[in-house]
């Protein structure tokens, strides 16, 4: 485990933890098509890359972030932008 692995992991874990309220708040709306799906996809893509690079702790925390973003995609409604 390297210093880089620890520092990236701390940041990734922090982002995952601070995103959880968005999942749990039933009134929150997110721009699913413009942000959530690409974010979740990119994070999912990086998990095996970090794991193959030997940054295992980073891979685990990035996987946690990806799970949170996929939950946002699955559970939160799309933000409406039109007028009523």
PDB file of N, CA and C in Angstrom:
ATOM      1  N   UNK A   1       0.850  -1.162   0.000  1.00  0.00           N
ATOM      2  CA  UNK A   1       0.000   0.000   0.000  1.00  0.00           C
ATOM      3  C   UNK A   1       0.906   1.239   0.000  1.00  0.00           C
ATOM      4  N   UNK A   2       0.635   2.119  -0.908  1.00  0.00           N
ATOM      5  CA  UNK A   2       1.466   3.316  -1.049  1.00  0.00           C
ATOM      6  C   UNK A   2       0.729   4.548  -0.519  1.00  0.00           C
ATOM      7  N   UNK A   3       1.469   5.622  -0.402  1.00  0.00           N
ATOM      8  CA  UNK A   3       0.884   6.885   0.039  1.00  0.00           C
ATOM      9  C   UNK A   3      -0.175   7.358  -0.958  1.00  0.00           C
ATOM     10  N   UNK A   4       0.087   7.149  -2.242  1.00  0.00           N
ATOM     11  CA  UNK A   4      -0.881   7.537  -3.282  1.00  0.00           C
ATOM     12  C   UNK A   4      -2.181   6.776  -3.086  1.00  0.00           C
ATOM     13  N   UNK A   5      -2.081   5.467  -2.811  1.00  0.00           N
ATOM     14  CA  UNK A   5      -3.266   4.644  -2.598  1.00  0.00           C
ATOM     15  C   UNK A   5      -4.077   5.163  -1.415  1.00  0.00           C
ATOM     16  N   UNK A   6      -3.403   5.509  -0.338  1.00  0.00           N
ATOM     17  CA  UNK A   6      -4.092   6.002   0.859  1.00  0.00           C
ATOM     18  C   UNK A   6      -4.757   7.349   0.595  1.00  0.00           C
ATOM     19  N   UNK A   7      -4.063   8.261  -0.046  1.00  0.00           N
ATOM     20  CA  UNK A   7      -4.625   9.594  -0.291  1.00  0.00           C
ATOM     21  C   UNK A   7      -5.819   9.554  -1.233  1.00  0.00           C
ATOM     22  N   UNK A   8      -5.710   8.787  -2.313  1.00  0.00           N
ATOM     23  CA  UNK A   8      -6.850   8.678  -3.241  1.00  0.00           C
ATOM     24  C   UNK A   8      -8.025   8.012  -2.536  1.00  0.00           C
ATOM     25  N   UNK A   9      -7.747   7.009  -1.716  1.00  0.00           N
ATOM     26  CA  UNK A   9      -8.806   6.288  -1.015  1.00  0.00           C
ATOM     27  C   UNK A   9      -9.554   7.184  -0.042  1.00  0.00           C
ATOM     28  N   UNK A  10      -8.829   8.032   0.652  1.00  0.00           N
ATOM     29  CA  UNK A  10      -9.484   8.961   1.587  1.00  0.00           C
ATOM     30  C   UNK A  10     -10.442   9.879   0.832  1.00  0.00           C
ATOM     31  N   UNK A  11      -9.997  10.410  -0.287  1.00  0.00           N
ATOM     32  CA  UNK A  11     -10.866  11.272  -1.092  1.00  0.00           C
ATOM     33  C   UNK A  11     -12.060  10.536  -1.655  1.00  0.00           C
ATOM     34  N   UNK A  12     -11.848   9.329  -2.152  1.00  0.00           N
ATOM     35  CA  UNK A  12     -12.943   8.540  -2.729  1.00  0.00           C
ATOM     36  C   UNK A  12     -13.969   8.158  -1.678  1.00  0.00           C
ATOM     37  N   UNK A  13     -13.489   7.745  -0.511  1.00  0.00           N
ATOM     38  CA  UNK A  13     -14.411   7.376   0.561  1.00  0.00           C
ATOM     39  C   UNK A  13     -15.217   8.594   1.010  1.00  0.00           C
ATOM     40  N   UNK A  14     -14.565   9.743   1.086  1.00  0.00           N
ATOM     41  CA  UNK A  14     -15.267  10.970   1.466  1.00  0.00           C
ATOM     42  C   UNK A  14     -16.363  11.327   0.485  1.00  0.00           C
ATOM     43  N   UNK A  15     -16.066  11.216  -0.805  1.00  0.00           N
ATOM     44  CA  UNK A  15     -17.086  11.515  -1.816  1.00  0.00           C
ATOM     45  C   UNK A  15     -18.257  10.549  -1.733  1.00  0.00           C
ATOM     46  N   UNK A  16     -17.982   9.279  -1.503  1.00  0.00           N
ATOM     47  CA  UNK A  16     -19.063   8.296  -1.380  1.00  0.00           C
ATOM     48  C   UNK A  16     -19.931   8.601  -0.164  1.00  0.00           C
ATOM     49  N   UNK A  17     -19.300   8.914   0.953  1.00  0.00           N
ATOM     50  CA  UNK A  17     -20.046   9.191   2.189  1.00  0.00           C
ATOM     51  C   UNK A  17     -20.902  10.452   2.043  1.00  0.00           C
ATOM     52  N   UNK A  18     -20.341  11.498   1.435  1.00  0.00           N
ATOM     53  CA  UNK A  18     -21.101  12.735   1.287  1.00  0.00           C
ATOM     54  C   UNK A  18     -22.183  12.644   0.211  1.00  0.00           C
ATOM     55  N   UNK A  19     -22.167  11.610  -0.639  1.00  0.00           N
ATOM     56  CA  UNK A  19     -23.205  11.415  -1.647  1.00  0.00           C
ATOM     57  C   UNK A  19     -24.374  10.591  -1.124  1.00  0.00           C
ATOM     58  N   UNK A  20     -24.192   9.886  -0.029  1.00  0.00           N
ATOM     59  CA  UNK A  20     -25.252   9.032   0.512  1.00  0.00           C
ATOM     60  C   UNK A  20     -26.524   9.812   0.846  1.00  0.00           C
ATOM     61  N   UNK A  21     -26.460  11.034   1.406  1.00  0.00           N
ATOM     62  CA  UNK A  21     -27.716  11.759   1.674  1.00  0.00           C
ATOM     63  C   UNK A  21     -28.575  11.967   0.421  1.00  0.00           C
ATOM     64  N   UNK A  22     -27.952  12.078  -0.737  1.00  0.00           N
ATOM     65  CA  UNK A  22     -28.724  12.216  -1.979  1.00  0.00           C
ATOM     66  C   UNK A  22     -29.524  10.951  -2.241  1.00  0.00           C
ATOM     67  N   UNK A  23     -28.946   9.798  -1.926  1.00  0.00           N
ATOM     68  CA  UNK A  23     -29.654   8.530  -2.110  1.00  0.00           C
ATOM     69  C   UNK A  23     -30.806   8.421  -1.122  1.00  0.00           C
ATOM     70  N   UNK A  24     -30.570   8.817   0.105  1.00  0.00           N
ATOM     71  CA  UNK A  24     -31.560   8.622   1.163  1.00  0.00           C
ATOM     72  C   UNK A  24     -32.675   9.661   1.173  1.00  0.00           C
ATOM     73  N   UNK A  25     -32.446  10.843   0.610  1.00  0.00           N
ATOM     74  CA  UNK A  25     -33.446  11.907   0.607  1.00  0.00           C
ATOM     75  C   UNK A  25     -34.449  11.663  -0.519  1.00  0.00           C
ATOM     76  N   UNK A  26     -35.656  11.291  -0.142  1.00  0.00           N
ATOM     77  CA  UNK A  26     -36.677  10.967  -1.144  1.00  0.00           C
ATOM     78  C   UNK A  26     -37.102  12.173  -1.974  1.00  0.00           C
ATOM     79  N   UNK A  27     -36.841  13.377  -1.506  1.00  0.00           N
ATOM     80  CA  UNK A  27     -37.225  14.580  -2.242  1.00  0.00           C
ATOM     81  C   UNK A  27     -36.141  15.086  -3.186  1.00  0.00           C
ATOM     82  N   UNK A  28     -34.959  14.472  -3.151  1.00  0.00           N
ATOM     83  CA  UNK A  28     -33.877  14.964  -4.002  1.00  0.00           C
ATOM     84  C   UNK A  28     -34.101  14.539  -5.447  1.00  0.00           C
ATOM     85  N   UNK A  29     -33.743  15.419  -6.340  1.00  0.00           N
ATOM     86  CA  UNK A  29     -33.806  15.134  -7.763  1.00  0.00           C
ATOM     87  C   UNK A  29     -32.419  15.358  -8.348  1.00  0.00           C
ATOM     88  N   UNK A  30     -32.014  14.517  -9.259  1.00  0.00           N
ATOM     89  CA  UNK A  30     -30.691  14.625  -9.856  1.00  0.00           C
ATOM     90  C   UNK A  30     -30.813  14.635 -11.371  1.00  0.00           C
ATOM     91  N   UNK A  31     -29.888  15.295 -12.054  1.00  0.00           N
ATOM     92  CA  UNK A  31     -29.895  15.264 -13.521  1.00  0.00           C
ATOM     93  C   UNK A  31     -29.343  13.929 -14.008  1.00  0.00           C
ATOM     94  N   UNK A  32     -30.171  12.898 -13.972  1.00  0.00           N
ATOM     95  CA  UNK A  32     -29.728  11.524 -14.209  1.00  0.00           C
ATOM     96  C   UNK A  32     -29.039  11.341 -15.547  1.00  0.00           C
ATOM     97  N   UNK A  33     -29.650  11.837 -16.623  1.00  0.00           N
ATOM     98  CA  UNK A  33     -29.099  11.573 -17.946  1.00  0.00           C
ATOM     99  C   UNK A  33     -27.830  12.362 -18.224  1.00  0.00           C
ATOM    100  N   UNK A  34     -27.693  13.515 -17.619  1.00  0.00           N
ATOM    101  CA  UNK A  34     -26.527  14.339 -17.934  1.00  0.00           C
ATOM    102  C   UNK A  34     -25.371  14.139 -16.971  1.00  0.00           C
ATOM    103  N   UNK A  35     -25.618  13.596 -15.781  1.00  0.00           N
ATOM    104  CA  UNK A  35     -24.524  13.477 -14.823  1.00  0.00           C
ATOM    105  C   UNK A  35     -24.427  12.106 -14.166  1.00  0.00           C
ATOM    106  N   UNK A  36     -25.501  11.576 -13.693  1.00  0.00           N
ATOM    107  CA  UNK A  36     -25.442  10.381 -12.860  1.00  0.00           C
ATOM    108  C   UNK A  36     -24.992   9.130 -13.599  1.00  0.00           C
ATOM    109  N   UNK A  37     -25.580   8.848 -14.739  1.00  0.00           N
ATOM    110  CA  UNK A  37     -25.206   7.635 -15.470  1.00  0.00           C
ATOM    111  C   UNK A  37     -23.757   7.695 -15.955  1.00  0.00           C
ATOM    112  N   UNK A  38     -23.306   8.793 -16.564  1.00  0.00           N
ATOM    113  CA  UNK A  38     -21.880   8.844 -16.939  1.00  0.00           C
ATOM    114  C   UNK A  38     -20.951   8.756 -15.735  1.00  0.00           C
ATOM    115  N   UNK A  39     -21.302   9.395 -14.635  1.00  0.00           N
ATOM    116  CA  UNK A  39     -20.462   9.327 -13.435  1.00  0.00           C
ATOM    117  C   UNK A  39     -20.362   7.903 -12.921  1.00  0.00           C
ATOM    118  N   UNK A  40     -21.494   7.221 -12.819  1.00  0.00           N
ATOM    119  CA  UNK A  40     -21.494   5.840 -12.336  1.00  0.00           C
ATOM    120  C   UNK A  40     -20.723   4.927 -13.293  1.00  0.00           C
ATOM    121  N   UNK A  41     -20.884   5.133 -14.585  1.00  0.00           N
ATOM    122  CA  UNK A  41     -20.192   4.302 -15.575  1.00  0.00           C
ATOM    123  C   UNK A  41     -18.682   4.501 -15.514  1.00  0.00           C
ATOM    124  N   UNK A  42     -18.255   5.739 -15.431  1.00  0.00           N
ATOM    125  CA  UNK A  42     -16.814   6.026 -15.384  1.00  0.00           C
ATOM    126  C   UNK A  42     -16.194   5.463 -14.110  1.00  0.00           C
ATOM    127  N   UNK A  43     -16.861   5.646 -12.987  1.00  0.00           N
ATOM    128  CA  UNK A  43     -16.337   5.097 -11.738  1.00  0.00           C
ATOM    129  C   UNK A  43     -16.251   3.576 -11.803  1.00  0.00           C
ATOM    130  N   UNK A  44     -17.263   2.930 -12.380  1.00  0.00           N
ATOM    131  CA  UNK A  44     -17.246   1.474 -12.527  1.00  0.00           C
ATOM    132  C   UNK A  44     -16.093   1.033 -13.415  1.00  0.00           C
ATOM    133  N   UNK A  45     -15.818   1.770 -14.465  1.00  0.00           N
ATOM    134  CA  UNK A  45     -14.724   1.463 -15.382  1.00  0.00           C
ATOM    135  C   UNK A  45     -13.362   1.525 -14.682  1.00  0.00           C
ATOM    136  N   UNK A  46     -13.202   2.480 -13.761  1.00  0.00           N
ATOM    137  CA  UNK A  46     -11.917   2.663 -13.101  1.00  0.00           C
ATOM    138  C   UNK A  46     -11.612   1.625 -12.028  1.00  0.00           C
ATOM    139  N   UNK A  47     -12.616   0.930 -11.499  1.00  0.00           N
ATOM    140  CA  UNK A  47     -12.380  -0.036 -10.424  1.00  0.00           C
ATOM    141  C   UNK A  47     -11.353  -1.100 -10.831  1.00  0.00           C
ATOM    142  N   UNK A  48     -11.540  -1.832 -11.956  1.00  0.00           N
ATOM    143  CA  UNK A  48     -10.533  -2.838 -12.306  1.00  0.00           C
ATOM    144  C   UNK A  48      -9.183  -2.234 -12.693  1.00  0.00           C
ATOM    145  N   UNK A  49      -9.185  -1.033 -13.235  1.00  0.00           N
ATOM    146  CA  UNK A  49      -7.915  -0.410 -13.605  1.00  0.00           C
ATOM    147  C   UNK A  49      -7.065  -0.129 -12.368  1.00  0.00           C
ATOM    148  N   UNK A  50      -7.691   0.411 -11.316  1.00  0.00           N
ATOM    149  CA  UNK A  50      -6.954   0.643 -10.078  1.00  0.00           C
ATOM    150  C   UNK A  50      -6.526  -0.678  -9.449  1.00  0.00           C
ATOM    151  N   UNK A  51      -7.389  -1.688  -9.496  1.00  0.00           N
ATOM    152  CA  UNK A  51      -7.053  -2.988  -8.914  1.00  0.00           C
ATOM    153  C   UNK A  51      -5.862  -3.616  -9.637  1.00  0.00           C
ATOM    154  N   UNK A  52      -5.838  -3.541 -10.960  1.00  0.00           N
ATOM    155  CA  UNK A  52      -4.723  -4.104 -11.726  1.00  0.00           C
ATOM    156  C   UNK A  52      -3.429  -3.332 -11.498  1.00  0.00           C
ATOM    157  N   UNK A  53      -3.553  -2.054 -11.129  1.00  0.00           N
ATOM    158  CA  UNK A  53      -2.376  -1.235 -10.868  1.00  0.00           C
ATOM    159  C   UNK A  53      -1.816  -1.463  -9.471  1.00  0.00           C
ATOM    160  N   UNK A  54      -2.482  -2.275  -8.683  1.00  0.00           N
ATOM    161  CA  UNK A  54      -2.021  -2.531  -7.325  1.00  0.00           C
ATOM    162  C   UNK A  54      -2.564  -1.565  -6.298  1.00  0.00           C
ATOM    163  N   UNK A  55      -3.434  -0.680  -6.703  1.00  0.00           N
ATOM    164  CA  UNK A  55      -4.044   0.278  -5.774  1.00  0.00           C
ATOM    165  C   UNK A  55      -5.370  -0.305  -5.279  1.00  0.00           C
ATOM    166  N   UNK A  56      -5.253  -1.346  -4.450  1.00  0.00           N
ATOM    167  CA  UNK A  56      -6.433  -2.104  -4.027  1.00  0.00           C
ATOM    168  C   UNK A  56      -7.377  -1.296  -3.156  1.00  0.00           C
ATOM    169  N   UNK A  57      -6.852  -0.538  -2.228  1.00  0.00           N
ATOM    170  CA  UNK A  57      -7.709   0.274  -1.360  1.00  0.00           C
ATOM    171  C   UNK A  57      -8.458   1.323  -2.180  1.00  0.00           C
ATOM    172  N   UNK A  58      -7.774   1.898  -3.150  1.00  0.00           N
ATOM    173  CA  UNK A  58      -8.417   2.859  -4.047  1.00  0.00           C
ATOM    174  C   UNK A  58      -9.520   2.173  -4.840  1.00  0.00           C
ATOM    175  N   UNK A  59      -9.260   0.973  -5.342  1.00  0.00           N
ATOM    176  CA  UNK A  59     -10.275   0.236  -6.104  1.00  0.00           C
ATOM    177  C   UNK A  59     -11.516  -0.015  -5.252  1.00  0.00           C
ATOM    178  N   UNK A  60     -11.320  -0.339  -3.997  1.00  0.00           N
ATOM    179  CA  UNK A  60     -12.458  -0.609  -3.109  1.00  0.00           C
ATOM    180  C   UNK A  60     -13.271   0.662  -2.863  1.00  0.00           C
ATOM    181  N   UNK A  61     -12.593   1.774  -2.601  1.00  0.00           N
ATOM    182  CA  UNK A  61     -13.334   3.008  -2.323  1.00  0.00           C
ATOM    183  C   UNK A  61     -13.986   3.566  -3.583  1.00  0.00           C
ATOM    184  N   UNK A  62     -13.348   3.396  -4.735  1.00  0.00           N
ATOM    185  CA  UNK A  62     -13.981   3.811  -5.991  1.00  0.00           C
ATOM    186  C   UNK A  62     -15.205   2.943  -6.259  1.00  0.00           C
ATOM    187  N   UNK A  63     -15.119   1.661  -5.930  1.00  0.00           N
ATOM    188  CA  UNK A  63     -16.287   0.782  -6.082  1.00  0.00           C
ATOM    189  C   UNK A  63     -17.426   1.253  -5.189  1.00  0.00           C
ATOM    190  N   UNK A  64     -17.105   1.698  -3.985  1.00  0.00           N
ATOM    191  CA  UNK A  64     -18.132   2.257  -3.095  1.00  0.00           C
ATOM    192  C   UNK A  64     -18.784   3.484  -3.691  1.00  0.00           C
ATOM    193  N   UNK A  65     -17.966   4.339  -4.292  1.00  0.00           N
ATOM    194  CA  UNK A  65     -18.510   5.520  -4.966  1.00  0.00           C
ATOM    195  C   UNK A  65     -19.417   5.121  -6.120  1.00  0.00           C
ATOM    196  N   UNK A  66     -18.988   4.141  -6.907  1.00  0.00           N
ATOM    197  CA  UNK A  66     -19.793   3.685  -8.047  1.00  0.00           C
ATOM    198  C   UNK A  66     -21.135   3.134  -7.574  1.00  0.00           C
ATOM    199  N   UNK A  67     -21.112   2.379  -6.484  1.00  0.00           N
ATOM    200  CA  UNK A  67     -22.365   1.825  -5.947  1.00  0.00           C
ATOM    201  C   UNK A  67     -23.313   2.951  -5.547  1.00  0.00           C
ATOM    202  N   UNK A  68     -22.793   3.972  -4.886  1.00  0.00           N
ATOM    203  CA  UNK A  68     -23.638   5.106  -4.487  1.00  0.00           C
ATOM    204  C   UNK A  68     -24.235   5.783  -5.718  1.00  0.00           C
ATOM    205  N   UNK A  69     -23.421   6.004  -6.763  1.00  0.00           N
ATOM    206  CA  UNK A  69     -23.946   6.657  -7.975  1.00  0.00           C
ATOM    207  C   UNK A  69     -24.983   5.792  -8.677  1.00  0.00           C
ATOM    208  N   UNK A  70     -24.779   4.448  -8.714  1.00  0.00           N
ATOM    209  CA  UNK A  70     -25.791   3.582  -9.328  1.00  0.00           C
ATOM    210  C   UNK A  70     -27.079   3.598  -8.514  1.00  0.00           C
ATOM    211  N   UNK A  71     -26.976   3.723  -7.188  1.00  0.00           N
ATOM    212  CA  UNK A  71     -28.181   3.858  -6.366  1.00  0.00           C
ATOM    213  C   UNK A  71     -28.906   5.165  -6.665  1.00  0.00           C
ATOM    214  N   UNK A  72     -28.153   6.228  -6.890  1.00  0.00           N
ATOM    215  CA  UNK A  72     -28.769   7.505  -7.261  1.00  0.00           C
ATOM    216  C   UNK A  72     -29.505   7.354  -8.587  1.00  0.00           C
ATOM    217  N   UNK A  73     -28.887   6.685  -9.543  1.00  0.00           N
ATOM    218  CA  UNK A  73     -29.525   6.461 -10.846  1.00  0.00           C
ATOM    219  C   UNK A  73     -30.805   5.650 -10.670  1.00  0.00           C
ATOM    220  N   UNK A  74     -30.766   4.640  -9.824  1.00  0.00           N
ATOM    221  CA  UNK A  74     -31.911   3.748  -9.666  1.00  0.00           C
ATOM    222  C   UNK A  74     -33.030   4.343  -8.832  1.00  0.00           C
ATOM    223  N   UNK A  75     -32.697   5.146  -7.826  1.00  0.00           N
ATOM    224  CA  UNK A  75     -33.703   5.547  -6.836  1.00  0.00           C
ATOM    225  C   UNK A  75     -34.188   6.989  -6.931  1.00  0.00           C
ATOM    226  N   UNK A  76     -33.449   7.874  -7.561  1.00  0.00           N
ATOM    227  CA  UNK A  76     -33.836   9.276  -7.581  1.00  0.00           C
ATOM    228  C   UNK A  76     -34.482   9.640  -8.906  1.00  0.00           C
ATOM    229  N   UNK A  77     -35.520  10.449  -8.877  1.00  0.00           N
ATOM    230  CA  UNK A  77     -36.172  10.865 -10.119  1.00  0.00           C
ATOM    231  C   UNK A  77     -35.320  11.858 -10.892  1.00  0.00           C
ATOM    232  N   UNK A  78     -35.584  11.916 -12.189  1.00  0.00           N
ATOM    233  CA  UNK A  78     -34.883  12.865 -13.049  1.00  0.00           C
ATOM    234  C   UNK A  78     -35.387  14.258 -12.734  1.00  0.00           C
ATOM    235  N   UNK A  79     -34.492  15.215 -12.685  1.00  0.00           N
ATOM    236  CA  UNK A  79     -34.849  16.610 -12.417  1.00  0.00           C
ATOM    237  C   UNK A  79     -35.634  17.151 -13.603  1.00  0.00           C
ATOM    238  N   UNK A  80     -36.748  17.784 -13.327  1.00  0.00           N
ATOM    239  CA  UNK A  80     -37.547  18.364 -14.392  1.00  0.00           C
ATOM    240  C   UNK A  80     -37.065  19.781 -14.669  1.00  0.00           C
ATOM    241  N   UNK A  81     -36.954  20.129 -15.951  1.00  0.00           N
ATOM    242  CA  UNK A  81     -36.432  21.449 -16.308  1.00  0.00           C
ATOM    243  C   UNK A  81     -37.469  22.306 -17.023  1.00  0.00           C
ATOM    244  N   UNK A  82     -38.604  21.763 -17.338  1.00  0.00           N
ATOM    245  CA  UNK A  82     -39.620  22.536 -18.073  1.00  0.00           C
ATOM    246  C   UNK A  82     -40.520  23.310 -17.139  1.00  0.00           C
ATOM    247  N   UNK A  83     -41.213  24.308 -17.714  1.00  0.00           N
ATOM    248  CA  UNK A  83     -42.177  25.077 -16.927  1.00  0.00           C
ATOM    249  C   UNK A  83     -43.531  24.400 -16.993  1.00  0.00           C
ATOM    250  N   UNK A  84     -44.363  24.606 -15.978  1.00  0.00           N
ATOM    251  CA  UNK A  84     -45.669  23.935 -15.932  1.00  0.00           C
ATOM    252  C   UNK A  84     -46.763  24.766 -16.523  1.00  0.00           C
TER     253      UNK A  84
END
